[in-house]
Amino acid sequence: MMEEEGKLIKKSLWLFEYNRGDSALYLQQFYAIDENDVRRQIEEFIRRSNFPVYWERLRHVPSGFTIGYSSLRGTIYERPDGSVIEEAEIHAQPTPPETAVQAPPPGESTSETASGSASEAAPG
């Protein structure tokens, strides 16, 4: 699914909602090419977690997401080597993609607590 080497890889924002067996609901952000890519990343997140992770819901939010005083971009662009294109580099290109943002380094996303009890069935 990745584009040819030398081309930018467009990834969009996904929010994984989970609980840890308590009454809180947590969010984990992922940028992925498609649903298969994000599910692979979630499996890795669950495997590496040192706490229980119970699936609540997976939401695709390509238009971005705002919570509190922060917001997450809906789309990022990566080079084939995994590095994220800086916004200044995108604007310097003759035909720039729509937008570009800096993604957090892999594995350094922070969990945020959110309110609400909306729930969907776990993946089968």
N, C-alpha and C. Protein backbone atom coordinates (compact mmCIF):
# COMPACT_ATOMS: atom_id res chain seq x y z
N MET A 1 0.80 -1.20 0.00
CA MET A 1 0.00 0.00 0.00
C MET A 1 0.85 1.27 0.00
N MET A 2 2.11 1.17 0.38
CA MET A 2 2.96 2.35 0.40
C MET A 2 3.27 2.76 -1.03
N GLU A 3 3.45 4.04 -1.22
CA GLU A 3 3.75 4.55 -2.55
C GLU A 3 5.19 4.24 -2.91
N GLU A 4 5.51 4.41 -4.18
CA GLU A 4 6.87 4.14 -4.66
C GLU A 4 7.90 4.96 -3.90
N GLU A 5 9.11 4.43 -3.82
CA GLU A 5 10.20 5.15 -3.16
C GLU A 5 10.39 6.51 -3.80
N GLY A 6 10.62 7.51 -2.98
CA GLY A 6 10.80 8.86 -3.49
C GLY A 6 9.52 9.68 -3.47
N LYS A 7 8.39 9.04 -3.23
CA LYS A 7 7.13 9.76 -3.17
C LYS A 7 6.68 9.87 -1.72
N LEU A 8 5.83 10.84 -1.45
CA LEU A 8 5.32 11.03 -0.10
C LEU A 8 4.22 10.02 0.20
N ILE A 9 4.16 9.62 1.46
CA ILE A 9 3.16 8.67 1.91
C ILE A 9 2.16 9.43 2.77
N LYS A 10 0.93 9.48 2.32
CA LYS A 10 -0.11 10.21 3.04
C LYS A 10 -0.70 9.31 4.13
N LYS A 11 -0.72 9.84 5.37
CA LYS A 11 -1.31 9.10 6.49
C LYS A 11 -2.33 10.00 7.16
N SER A 12 -3.41 9.40 7.62
CA SER A 12 -4.44 10.18 8.29
C SER A 12 -4.58 9.74 9.75
N LEU A 13 -5.23 10.60 10.53
CA LEU A 13 -5.35 10.41 11.96
C LEU A 13 -6.43 9.39 12.32
N TRP A 14 -6.08 8.51 13.25
CA TRP A 14 -7.00 7.53 13.84
C TRP A 14 -6.89 7.66 15.35
N LEU A 15 -8.01 7.59 16.04
CA LEU A 15 -8.02 7.61 17.50
C LEU A 15 -8.53 6.28 18.01
N PHE A 16 -7.71 5.64 18.83
CA PHE A 16 -8.04 4.37 19.44
C PHE A 16 -8.51 4.66 20.86
N GLU A 17 -9.75 4.33 21.16
CA GLU A 17 -10.31 4.53 22.49
C GLU A 17 -10.27 3.19 23.22
N TYR A 18 -9.73 3.22 24.43
CA TYR A 18 -9.63 1.99 25.20
C TYR A 18 -9.78 2.29 26.68
N ASN A 19 -9.97 1.23 27.47
CA ASN A 19 -9.94 1.40 28.92
C ASN A 19 -8.95 0.40 29.47
N ARG A 20 -8.58 0.60 30.73
CA ARG A 20 -7.59 -0.25 31.38
C ARG A 20 -8.23 -1.09 32.49
N GLY A 21 -9.52 -1.31 32.37
CA GLY A 21 -10.22 -2.07 33.39
C GLY A 21 -10.73 -1.19 34.51
N ASP A 22 -10.64 0.13 34.32
CA ASP A 22 -11.17 1.06 35.31
C ASP A 22 -12.30 1.86 34.66
N SER A 23 -12.73 2.92 35.28
CA SER A 23 -13.85 3.68 34.75
C SER A 23 -13.44 4.76 33.75
N ALA A 24 -12.14 4.94 33.54
CA ALA A 24 -11.65 5.98 32.61
C ALA A 24 -11.61 5.46 31.18
N LEU A 25 -11.72 6.38 30.24
CA LEU A 25 -11.58 6.08 28.82
C LEU A 25 -10.33 6.81 28.34
N TYR A 26 -9.45 6.12 27.64
CA TYR A 26 -8.19 6.69 27.17
C TYR A 26 -8.19 6.77 25.65
N LEU A 27 -7.44 7.74 25.13
CA LEU A 27 -7.26 7.89 23.69
C LEU A 27 -5.80 7.70 23.34
N GLN A 28 -5.54 7.01 22.26
CA GLN A 28 -4.18 6.88 21.72
C GLN A 28 -4.26 7.26 20.25
N GLN A 29 -3.40 8.16 19.83
CA GLN A 29 -3.41 8.61 18.44
C GLN A 29 -2.48 7.76 17.59
N PHE A 30 -2.89 7.55 16.35
CA PHE A 30 -2.06 6.86 15.36
C PHE A 30 -2.25 7.57 14.03
N TYR A 31 -1.19 7.64 13.24
CA TYR A 31 -1.29 8.09 11.86
C TYR A 31 -1.03 6.86 11.00
N ALA A 32 -1.97 6.57 10.10
CA ALA A 32 -1.88 5.34 9.32
C ALA A 32 -2.35 5.57 7.88
N ILE A 33 -1.89 4.69 7.01
CA ILE A 33 -2.26 4.74 5.60
C ILE A 33 -3.72 4.34 5.41
N ASP A 34 -4.14 3.30 6.15
CA ASP A 34 -5.49 2.78 6.03
C ASP A 34 -5.85 2.01 7.30
N GLU A 35 -7.02 1.40 7.33
CA GLU A 35 -7.47 0.70 8.53
C GLU A 35 -6.59 -0.51 8.87
N ASN A 36 -6.12 -1.23 7.87
CA ASN A 36 -5.23 -2.37 8.15
C ASN A 36 -3.95 -1.90 8.83
N ASP A 37 -3.40 -0.78 8.37
CA ASP A 37 -2.18 -0.21 8.94
C ASP A 37 -2.40 0.19 10.40
N VAL A 38 -3.52 0.87 10.69
CA VAL A 38 -3.76 1.30 12.06
C VAL A 38 -4.02 0.11 12.98
N ARG A 39 -4.70 -0.92 12.49
CA ARG A 39 -4.94 -2.10 13.33
C ARG A 39 -3.62 -2.80 13.66
N ARG A 40 -2.69 -2.82 12.72
CA ARG A 40 -1.37 -3.40 12.99
C ARG A 40 -0.66 -2.59 14.07
N GLN A 41 -0.74 -1.25 13.97
CA GLN A 41 -0.12 -0.40 14.98
C GLN A 41 -0.76 -0.58 16.35
N ILE A 42 -2.07 -0.75 16.39
CA ILE A 42 -2.77 -0.96 17.66
C ILE A 42 -2.34 -2.29 18.28
N GLU A 43 -2.23 -3.33 17.47
CA GLU A 43 -1.77 -4.63 17.98
C GLU A 43 -0.40 -4.49 18.61
N GLU A 44 0.49 -3.73 17.99
CA GLU A 44 1.83 -3.50 18.52
C GLU A 44 1.76 -2.69 19.82
N PHE A 45 0.90 -1.66 19.86
CA PHE A 45 0.70 -0.86 21.06
C PHE A 45 0.23 -1.74 22.22
N ILE A 46 -0.74 -2.60 21.97
CA ILE A 46 -1.27 -3.49 23.01
C ILE A 46 -0.18 -4.45 23.47
N ARG A 47 0.58 -5.01 22.53
CA ARG A 47 1.64 -5.96 22.87
C ARG A 47 2.71 -5.31 23.76
N ARG A 48 3.04 -4.05 23.49
CA ARG A 48 4.10 -3.36 24.24
C ARG A 48 3.62 -2.71 25.54
N SER A 49 2.31 -2.60 25.72
CA SER A 49 1.77 -1.93 26.91
C SER A 49 2.05 -2.75 28.16
N ASN A 50 2.37 -2.05 29.24
CA ASN A 50 2.60 -2.73 30.51
C ASN A 50 1.37 -2.59 31.42
N PHE A 51 0.20 -2.44 30.77
CA PHE A 51 -1.07 -2.36 31.47
C PHE A 51 -2.12 -3.03 30.58
N PRO A 52 -3.25 -3.45 31.17
CA PRO A 52 -4.29 -4.08 30.34
C PRO A 52 -4.93 -3.05 29.40
N VAL A 53 -5.24 -3.47 28.18
CA VAL A 53 -5.87 -2.59 27.20
C VAL A 53 -7.14 -3.28 26.70
N TYR A 54 -8.28 -2.65 26.95
CA TYR A 54 -9.57 -3.18 26.51
C TYR A 54 -10.14 -2.26 25.44
N TRP A 55 -10.32 -2.82 24.25
CA TRP A 55 -10.77 -2.09 23.08
C TRP A 55 -12.16 -1.51 23.32
N GLU A 56 -12.32 -0.21 23.07
CA GLU A 56 -13.63 0.44 23.13
C GLU A 56 -14.09 0.81 21.72
N ARG A 57 -13.28 1.62 21.01
CA ARG A 57 -13.69 2.09 19.69
C ARG A 57 -12.48 2.59 18.92
N LEU A 58 -12.56 2.50 17.61
CA LEU A 58 -11.54 3.05 16.71
C LEU A 58 -12.25 4.06 15.82
N ARG A 59 -11.72 5.29 15.80
CA ARG A 59 -12.33 6.35 15.00
C ARG A 59 -11.32 6.91 14.01
N HIS A 60 -11.77 7.06 12.75
CA HIS A 60 -10.96 7.68 11.71
C HIS A 60 -11.34 9.15 11.68
N VAL A 61 -10.37 10.05 11.91
CA VAL A 61 -10.65 11.48 11.95
C VAL A 61 -9.68 12.25 11.04
N PRO A 62 -9.84 12.09 9.71
CA PRO A 62 -8.92 12.72 8.76
C PRO A 62 -9.00 14.25 8.76
N SER A 63 -10.03 14.81 9.37
CA SER A 63 -10.14 16.27 9.43
C SER A 63 -9.47 16.83 10.68
N GLY A 64 -8.93 15.96 11.54
CA GLY A 64 -8.25 16.40 12.75
C GLY A 64 -9.14 16.27 13.98
N PHE A 65 -8.56 16.56 15.13
CA PHE A 65 -9.27 16.37 16.40
C PHE A 65 -8.76 17.39 17.41
N THR A 66 -9.66 18.01 18.13
CA THR A 66 -9.28 18.98 19.16
C THR A 66 -9.81 18.52 20.50
N ILE A 67 -8.95 18.57 21.51
CA ILE A 67 -9.34 18.24 22.87
C ILE A 67 -8.60 19.20 23.80
N GLY A 68 -9.32 19.80 24.71
CA GLY A 68 -8.68 20.75 25.61
C GLY A 68 -8.04 21.88 24.83
N TYR A 69 -6.79 22.15 25.12
CA TYR A 69 -6.07 23.23 24.45
C TYR A 69 -5.13 22.73 23.37
N SER A 70 -5.31 21.51 22.94
CA SER A 70 -4.43 20.98 21.90
C SER A 70 -5.25 20.40 20.76
N SER A 71 -4.62 20.26 19.62
CA SER A 71 -5.30 19.65 18.48
C SER A 71 -4.32 18.75 17.75
N LEU A 72 -4.88 17.76 17.08
CA LEU A 72 -4.09 16.82 16.29
C LEU A 72 -4.44 17.04 14.83
N ARG A 73 -3.44 17.10 13.98
CA ARG A 73 -3.66 17.28 12.54
C ARG A 73 -4.30 16.04 11.96
N GLY A 74 -5.12 16.23 10.96
CA GLY A 74 -5.82 15.11 10.34
C GLY A 74 -4.98 14.34 9.34
N THR A 75 -3.94 14.97 8.79
CA THR A 75 -3.12 14.33 7.76
C THR A 75 -1.66 14.71 7.94
N ILE A 76 -0.79 13.74 7.70
CA ILE A 76 0.65 14.01 7.66
C ILE A 76 1.20 13.39 6.38
N TYR A 77 2.42 13.77 6.01
CA TYR A 77 3.10 13.19 4.86
C TYR A 77 4.46 12.70 5.30
N GLU A 78 4.76 11.44 4.96
CA GLU A 78 6.04 10.83 5.32
C GLU A 78 6.82 10.51 4.07
N ARG A 79 8.15 10.52 4.22
CA ARG A 79 9.03 10.00 3.18
C ARG A 79 9.01 8.47 3.30
N PRO A 80 9.42 7.75 2.27
CA PRO A 80 9.46 6.29 2.36
C PRO A 80 10.32 5.76 3.51
N ASP A 81 11.31 6.56 3.98
CA ASP A 81 12.16 6.10 5.08
C ASP A 81 11.50 6.31 6.45
N GLY A 82 10.28 6.86 6.48
CA GLY A 82 9.56 7.05 7.72
C GLY A 82 9.68 8.43 8.33
N SER A 83 10.56 9.28 7.79
CA SER A 83 10.70 10.63 8.33
C SER A 83 9.53 11.49 7.83
N VAL A 84 9.10 12.41 8.67
CA VAL A 84 7.97 13.27 8.34
C VAL A 84 8.48 14.52 7.61
N ILE A 85 7.76 14.90 6.58
CA ILE A 85 8.11 16.09 5.81
C ILE A 85 7.79 17.32 6.65
N GLU A 86 8.74 18.23 6.76
CA GLU A 86 8.50 19.49 7.47
C GLU A 86 7.62 20.38 6.60
N GLU A 87 6.79 21.17 7.24
CA GLU A 87 5.86 22.02 6.50
C GLU A 87 6.58 22.95 5.53
N ALA A 88 7.73 23.49 5.94
CA ALA A 88 8.50 24.39 5.06
C ALA A 88 8.94 23.67 3.79
N GLU A 89 9.29 22.38 3.91
CA GLU A 89 9.72 21.61 2.73
C GLU A 89 8.56 21.40 1.77
N ILE A 90 7.37 21.19 2.29
CA ILE A 90 6.20 20.98 1.45
C ILE A 90 5.94 22.24 0.63
N HIS A 91 5.99 23.40 1.29
CA HIS A 91 5.71 24.66 0.60
C HIS A 91 6.79 25.00 -0.43
N ALA A 92 7.98 24.45 -0.29
CA ALA A 92 9.07 24.71 -1.23
C ALA A 92 8.94 23.88 -2.50
N GLN A 93 8.10 22.83 -2.47
CA GLN A 93 7.94 21.99 -3.64
C GLN A 93 7.05 22.69 -4.67
N PRO A 94 7.28 22.42 -5.97
CA PRO A 94 6.51 23.08 -7.02
C PRO A 94 5.01 22.79 -6.93
N THR A 95 4.64 21.56 -6.63
CA THR A 95 3.22 21.20 -6.49
C THR A 95 3.03 20.55 -5.14
N PRO A 96 2.84 21.35 -4.09
CA PRO A 96 2.75 20.80 -2.74
C PRO A 96 1.44 20.05 -2.50
N PRO A 97 1.48 19.01 -1.64
CA PRO A 97 0.24 18.36 -1.21
C PRO A 97 -0.59 19.35 -0.40
N GLU A 98 -1.84 18.97 -0.05
CA GLU A 98 -2.74 19.89 0.64
C GLU A 98 -2.13 20.50 1.90
N THR A 99 -1.64 19.64 2.82
CA THR A 99 -1.10 20.13 4.08
C THR A 99 0.00 19.20 4.55
N ALA A 100 0.80 19.67 5.48
CA ALA A 100 1.83 18.82 6.08
C ALA A 100 1.96 19.21 7.54
N VAL A 101 2.26 18.22 8.38
CA VAL A 101 2.41 18.48 9.81
C VAL A 101 3.51 17.61 10.38
N GLN A 102 3.95 17.95 11.56
CA GLN A 102 4.94 17.16 12.27
C GLN A 102 4.20 16.13 13.12
N ALA A 103 4.53 14.87 12.99
CA ALA A 103 3.92 13.82 13.82
C ALA A 103 4.79 13.59 15.04
N PRO A 104 4.19 13.13 16.13
CA PRO A 104 5.01 12.80 17.29
C PRO A 104 5.89 11.60 16.95
N PRO A 105 7.06 11.50 17.56
CA PRO A 105 7.91 10.33 17.30
C PRO A 105 7.17 9.04 17.65
N PRO A 106 7.39 7.95 16.92
CA PRO A 106 6.71 6.69 17.22
C PRO A 106 6.93 6.29 18.67
N GLY A 107 5.86 5.83 19.31
CA GLY A 107 5.96 5.34 20.68
C GLY A 107 5.97 6.43 21.72
N GLU A 108 5.92 7.71 21.32
CA GLU A 108 5.93 8.77 22.31
C GLU A 108 4.60 9.50 22.37
N SER A 109 3.55 8.90 21.80
CA SER A 109 2.24 9.50 21.89
C SER A 109 1.79 9.41 23.34
N THR A 110 1.08 10.41 23.78
CA THR A 110 0.61 10.39 25.15
C THR A 110 -0.86 10.02 25.18
N SER A 111 -1.26 9.29 26.20
CA SER A 111 -2.65 8.94 26.36
C SER A 111 -3.36 10.09 27.04
N GLU A 112 -4.55 10.37 26.61
CA GLU A 112 -5.35 11.42 27.21
C GLU A 112 -6.62 10.77 27.74
N THR A 113 -7.14 11.26 28.82
CA THR A 113 -8.39 10.76 29.35
C THR A 113 -9.52 11.57 28.73
N ALA A 114 -10.57 10.88 28.33
CA ALA A 114 -11.71 11.55 27.72
C ALA A 114 -12.97 11.12 28.43
N SER A 115 -13.98 11.95 28.37
CA SER A 115 -15.24 11.57 28.98
C SER A 115 -16.13 10.95 27.92
N GLY A 116 -17.15 10.27 28.36
CA GLY A 116 -18.08 9.65 27.43
C GLY A 116 -18.00 8.15 27.55
N SER A 117 -19.11 7.50 27.19
CA SER A 117 -19.13 6.05 27.33
C SER A 117 -19.54 5.38 26.04
N ALA A 118 -19.42 6.07 24.92
CA ALA A 118 -19.76 5.46 23.63
C ALA A 118 -18.87 4.25 23.42
N SER A 119 -19.46 3.18 22.96
CA SER A 119 -18.71 1.96 22.83
C SER A 119 -19.12 1.20 21.58
N GLU A 120 -18.17 0.55 20.97
CA GLU A 120 -18.45 -0.32 19.83
C GLU A 120 -17.86 -1.67 20.15
N ALA A 121 -18.30 -2.67 19.42
CA ALA A 121 -17.79 -4.02 19.65
C ALA A 121 -16.32 -4.09 19.30
N ALA A 122 -15.60 -4.92 20.01
CA ALA A 122 -14.18 -5.13 19.74
C ALA A 122 -14.04 -5.81 18.38
N PRO A 123 -12.88 -5.66 17.75
CA PRO A 123 -12.70 -6.29 16.43
C PRO A 123 -12.73 -7.80 16.57
N GLY A 124 -13.21 -8.45 15.52
CA GLY A 124 -13.39 -9.90 15.59
C GLY A 124 -12.33 -10.68 14.94
